C-alpha atoms as a PDB file:
ATOM      1  CA  UNK A   1      -0.191  -0.196  -0.435  1.00  0.00           C
ATOM      2  CA  UNK A   2       2.879   2.206   0.564  1.00  0.00           C
ATOM      3  CA  UNK A   3       3.610   2.616  -3.089  1.00  0.00           C
ATOM      4  CA  UNK A   4       0.569   3.704  -3.855  1.00  0.00           C
ATOM      5  CA  UNK A   5       0.844   7.635  -3.077  1.00  0.00           C
ATOM      6  CA  UNK A   6       4.241   8.061  -4.416  1.00  0.00           C
ATOM      7  CA  UNK A   7       2.694   6.705  -7.401  1.00  0.00           C
ATOM      8  CA  UNK A   8      -0.028   8.998  -8.030  1.00  0.00           C
ATOM      9  CA  UNK A   9       2.032  11.618  -7.646  1.00  0.00           C
ATOM     10  CA  UNK A  10       4.532  10.270 -10.157  1.00  0.00           C
ATOM     11  CA  UNK A  11       1.422  10.279 -12.514  1.00  0.00           C
ATOM     12  CA  UNK A  12      -0.427  13.905 -11.582  1.00  0.00           C
ATOM     13  CA  UNK A  13       3.064  15.297 -12.018  1.00  0.00           C
ATOM     14  CA  UNK A  14       4.181  13.729 -15.561  1.00  0.00           C
ATOM     15  CA  UNK A  15       0.435  12.982 -16.751  1.00  0.00           C
ATOM     16  CA  UNK A  16      -0.964  16.441 -16.300  1.00  0.00           C
ATOM     17  CA  UNK A  17       1.607  18.782 -18.280  1.00  0.00           C
ATOM     18  CA  UNK A  18       0.374  19.829 -21.857  1.00  0.00           C
ATOM     19  CA  UNK A  19       2.492  18.595 -24.710  1.00  0.00           C
ATOM     20  CA  UNK A  20       3.353  20.400 -27.575  1.00  0.00           C
ATOM     21  CA  UNK A  21       1.849  19.053 -30.735  1.00  0.00           C
ATOM     22  CA  UNK A  22       4.098  17.764 -33.327  1.00  0.00           C
ATOM     23  CA  UNK A  23       0.797  16.739 -35.313  1.00  0.00           C
ATOM     24  CA  UNK A  24       0.694  19.377 -38.642  1.00  0.00           C
ATOM     25  CA  UNK A  25      -2.850  19.741 -38.319  1.00  0.00           C
ATOM     26  CA  UNK A  26      -3.699  20.805 -34.812  1.00  0.00           C
ATOM     27  CA  UNK A  27      -0.604  23.567 -34.827  1.00  0.00           C
ATOM     28  CA  UNK A  28      -2.381  24.692 -38.393  1.00  0.00           C
ATOM     29  CA  UNK A  29      -4.480  27.249 -36.697  1.00  0.00           C
ATOM     30  CA  UNK A  30      -2.293  28.558 -34.476  1.00  0.00           C
ATOM     31  CA  UNK A  31       0.298  28.951 -36.700  1.00  0.00           C
ATOM     32  CA  UNK A  32      -1.983  30.988 -39.372  1.00  0.00           C
ATOM     33  CA  UNK A  33      -2.846  33.172 -36.201  1.00  0.00           C
ATOM     34  CA  UNK A  34      -6.078  33.123 -37.731  1.00  0.00           C
ATOM     35  CA  UNK A  35      -8.709  35.315 -36.135  1.00  0.00           C
ATOM     36  CA  UNK A  36     -12.324  33.723 -36.247  1.00  0.00           C
ATOM     37  CA  UNK A  37     -14.160  36.686 -36.012  1.00  0.00           C
ATOM     38  CA  UNK A  38     -15.751  38.932 -39.040  1.00  0.00           C
ATOM     39  CA  UNK A  39     -16.694  42.315 -39.178  1.00  0.00           C
ATOM     40  CA  UNK A  40     -19.095  41.497 -42.396  1.00  0.00           C
ATOM     41  CA  UNK A  41     -22.386  42.796 -41.648  1.00  0.00           C
ATOM     42  CA  UNK A  42     -25.408  39.989 -41.406  1.00  0.00           C
ATOM     43  CA  UNK A  43     -27.476  40.256 -44.470  1.00  0.00           C
ATOM     44  CA  UNK A  44     -31.460  39.610 -43.941  1.00  0.00           C
ATOM     45  CA  UNK A  45     -33.682  38.743 -46.662  1.00  0.00           C
ATOM     46  CA  UNK A  46     -37.234  39.217 -45.774  1.00  0.00           C
ATOM     47  CA  UNK A  47     -40.534  38.146 -47.576  1.00  0.00           C
ATOM     48  CA  UNK A  48     -42.472  40.384 -48.816  1.00  0.00           C
ATOM     49  CA  UNK A  49     -45.142  41.302 -46.547  1.00  0.00           C
ATOM     50  CA  UNK A  50     -43.854  40.333 -43.238  1.00  0.00           C
ATOM     51  CA  UNK A  51     -42.116  43.691 -42.051  1.00  0.00           C
ATOM     52  CA  UNK A  52     -44.603  46.214 -42.893  1.00  0.00           C
ATOM     53  CA  UNK A  53     -44.092  48.091 -39.523  1.00  0.00           C
ATOM     54  CA  UNK A  54     -40.429  47.539 -39.401  1.00  0.00           C
ATOM     55  CA  UNK A  55     -40.452  46.235 -36.047  1.00  0.00           C
ATOM     56  CA  UNK A  56     -39.920  42.724 -36.988  1.00  0.00           C
ATOM     57  CA  UNK A  57     -36.411  43.574 -38.631  1.00  0.00           C
ATOM     58  CA  UNK A  58     -35.311  46.239 -36.266  1.00  0.00           C
ATOM     59  CA  UNK A  59     -36.105  43.238 -33.030  1.00  0.00           C
ATOM     60  CA  UNK A  60     -34.233  40.720 -35.172  1.00  0.00           C
ATOM     61  CA  UNK A  61     -31.390  43.099 -35.979  1.00  0.00           C
ATOM     62  CA  UNK A  62     -30.911  44.049 -32.283  1.00  0.00           C
ATOM     63  CA  UNK A  63     -31.565  39.983 -30.954  1.00  0.00           C
ATOM     64  CA  UNK A  64     -29.175  39.138 -33.202  1.00  0.00           C
ATOM     65  CA  UNK A  65     -26.415  42.151 -32.625  1.00  0.00           C
ATOM     66  CA  UNK A  66     -27.165  40.910 -28.474  1.00  0.00           C
ATOM     67  CA  UNK A  67     -26.133  37.341 -29.715  1.00  0.00           C
ATOM     68  CA  UNK A  68     -23.085  38.759 -31.868  1.00  0.00           C
ATOM     69  CA  UNK A  69     -21.788  41.243 -28.496  1.00  0.00           C
ATOM     70  CA  UNK A  70     -21.973  38.356 -26.282  1.00  0.00           C
ATOM     71  CA  UNK A  71     -20.867  35.451 -28.608  1.00  0.00           C
ATOM     72  CA  UNK A  72     -18.349  36.902 -31.054  1.00  0.00           C
ATOM     73  CA  UNK A  73     -18.763  37.757 -34.751  1.00  0.00           C
ATOM     74  CA  UNK A  74     -18.993  33.772 -36.432  1.00  0.00           C
ATOM     75  CA  UNK A  75     -19.644  34.796 -39.611  1.00  0.00           C
ATOM     76  CA  UNK A  76     -20.953  35.537 -42.267  1.00  0.00           C
ATOM     77  CA  UNK A  77     -24.778  35.214 -41.453  1.00  0.00           C
ATOM     78  CA  UNK A  78     -27.381  35.257 -44.061  1.00  0.00           C
ATOM     79  CA  UNK A  79     -30.520  35.282 -41.866  1.00  0.00           C
ATOM     80  CA  UNK A  80     -34.208  34.316 -43.870  1.00  0.00           C
ATOM     81  CA  UNK A  81     -37.321  35.172 -42.970  1.00  0.00           C
ATOM     82  CA  UNK A  82     -39.672  33.666 -44.823  1.00  0.00           C
ATOM     83  CA  UNK A  83     -44.052  33.917 -45.267  1.00  0.00           C
ATOM     84  CA  UNK A  84     -46.875  32.463 -47.382  1.00  0.00           C
ATOM     85  CA  UNK A  85     -48.067  35.942 -48.458  1.00  0.00           C
ATOM     86  CA  UNK A  86     -45.369  36.040 -51.553  1.00  0.00           C
ATOM     87  CA  UNK A  87     -44.337  33.209 -53.336  1.00  0.00           C
ATOM     88  CA  UNK A  88     -42.576  35.092 -56.151  1.00  0.00           C
ATOM     89  CA  UNK A  89     -40.986  37.039 -53.132  1.00  0.00           C
ATOM     90  CA  UNK A  90     -40.033  33.987 -51.348  1.00  0.00           C
ATOM     91  CA  UNK A  91     -38.329  32.058 -54.564  1.00  0.00           C
ATOM     92  CA  UNK A  92     -36.250  35.043 -55.263  1.00  0.00           C
ATOM     93  CA  UNK A  93     -35.196  34.674 -52.089  1.00  0.00           C
ATOM     94  CA  UNK A  94     -34.100  31.479 -52.545  1.00  0.00           C
ATOM     95  CA  UNK A  95     -32.408  32.175 -56.136  1.00  0.00           C
ATOM     96  CA  UNK A  96     -30.427  34.792 -53.633  1.00  0.00           C
ATOM     97  CA  UNK A  97     -29.868  32.279 -50.832  1.00  0.00           C
ATOM     98  CA  UNK A  98     -28.315  30.046 -53.831  1.00  0.00           C
ATOM     99  CA  UNK A  99     -26.081  32.335 -55.421  1.00  0.00           C
ATOM    100  CA  UNK A 100     -24.536  32.864 -51.710  1.00  0.00           C
ATOM    101  CA  UNK A 101     -23.531  28.902 -52.336  1.00  0.00           C
ATOM    102  CA  UNK A 102     -22.356  29.342 -55.636  1.00  0.00           C
ATOM    103  CA  UNK A 103     -18.625  28.297 -55.892  1.00  0.00           C
ATOM    104  CA  UNK A 104     -17.036  30.169 -58.850  1.00  0.00           C
ATOM    105  CA  UNK A 105     -13.473  28.336 -59.094  1.00  0.00           C
ATOM    106  CA  UNK A 106     -15.859  24.280 -59.085  1.00  0.00           C
ATOM    107  CA  UNK A 107     -15.627  22.253 -61.884  1.00  0.00           C
ATOM    108  CA  UNK A 108     -20.013  21.487 -61.165  1.00  0.00           C
ATOM    109  CA  UNK A 109     -21.289  23.910 -63.521  1.00  0.00           C
ATOM    110  CA  UNK A 110     -21.796  27.857 -64.384  1.00  0.00           C
ATOM    111  CA  UNK A 111     -23.466  29.831 -62.341  1.00  0.00           C
ATOM    112  CA  UNK A 112     -26.879  29.154 -63.318  1.00  0.00           C
ATOM    113  CA  UNK A 113     -26.344  25.242 -63.557  1.00  0.00           C
ATOM    114  CA  UNK A 114     -24.872  25.387 -59.464  1.00  0.00           C
ATOM    115  CA  UNK A 115     -28.331  27.946 -58.666  1.00  0.00           C
ATOM    116  CA  UNK A 116     -30.777  25.217 -60.392  1.00  0.00           C
ATOM    117  CA  UNK A 117     -28.812  22.536 -58.749  1.00  0.00           C
ATOM    118  CA  UNK A 118     -29.770  24.055 -55.251  1.00  0.00           C
ATOM    119  CA  UNK A 119     -33.211  24.997 -56.084  1.00  0.00           C
ATOM    120  CA  UNK A 120     -33.680  21.486 -57.054  1.00  0.00           C
ATOM    121  CA  UNK A 121     -32.758  19.497 -53.928  1.00  0.00           C
ATOM    122  CA  UNK A 122     -35.264  17.605 -52.155  1.00  0.00           C
ATOM    123  CA  UNK A 123     -34.814  19.073 -48.951  1.00  0.00           C
ATOM    124  CA  UNK A 124     -34.629  22.961 -50.967  1.00  0.00           C
ATOM    125  CA  UNK A 125     -38.069  22.300 -52.870  1.00  0.00           C
ATOM    126  CA  UNK A 126     -39.633  20.642 -49.740  1.00  0.00           C
ATOM    127  CA  UNK A 127     -38.750  24.047 -47.393  1.00  0.00           C
ATOM    128  CA  UNK A 128     -40.072  25.597 -50.034  1.00  0.00           C
ATOM    129  CA  UNK A 129     -43.359  24.142 -49.780  1.00  0.00           C
ATOM    130  CA  UNK A 130     -43.147  24.499 -46.092  1.00  0.00           C
ATOM    131  CA  UNK A 131     -43.257  28.418 -46.582  1.00  0.00           C
ATOM    132  CA  UNK A 132     -45.701  28.608 -49.002  1.00  0.00           C
ATOM    133  CA  UNK A 133     -48.107  26.814 -47.168  1.00  0.00           C
ATOM    134  CA  UNK A 134     -47.584  28.740 -43.508  1.00  0.00           C
ATOM    135  CA  UNK A 135     -45.741  25.611 -41.861  1.00  0.00           C
ATOM    136  CA  UNK A 136     -43.859  27.399 -39.229  1.00  0.00           C
ATOM    137  CA  UNK A 137     -40.116  25.709 -39.116  1.00  0.00           C
ATOM    138  CA  UNK A 138     -36.979  26.763 -38.651  1.00  0.00           C
ATOM    139  CA  UNK A 139     -33.550  25.531 -39.110  1.00  0.00           C
END
C-alpha cells in the first residue's frame, strides 16, 4: 500500500502537463494566427408582407446584435425571414440564397447550373413548399 501515494503523485506530475503538438493539423490554426471574428455585417432577407412596420427586422437585428456581442462575430450571417404571403418573394429569396453558395472555382457547372442544382435539391423543394403552405419551422 505504501507505493500507491508516490505512484499517484508521479502520474499527476507527469501526466497532467501539456505536450506540444507535433501534428501539423493541430498546429495549423495557431501558426496561421487566424482570427475567427468577422467584420462582415449580417444580411437579412425578408419576404414581402412580413415587415410592414419595420418592427420584425428591428427586433431581429437587436437580438442578433446582442448574440454577436456576447458570443462573438463568427459569420458571415445570412438570415432568412420567410412567410407564405408572396410566392414570388419567397422564390426570389431562395434564388438569392442559391447565389450565396456558388463556387466559381468549382467544376460543378456554370453559375446557372449550380443555382438550379441547389433549387432542385429535395430538402430545398420541401422547405419552399413548407414556407408557402404556412408551416412554422426553423432551421
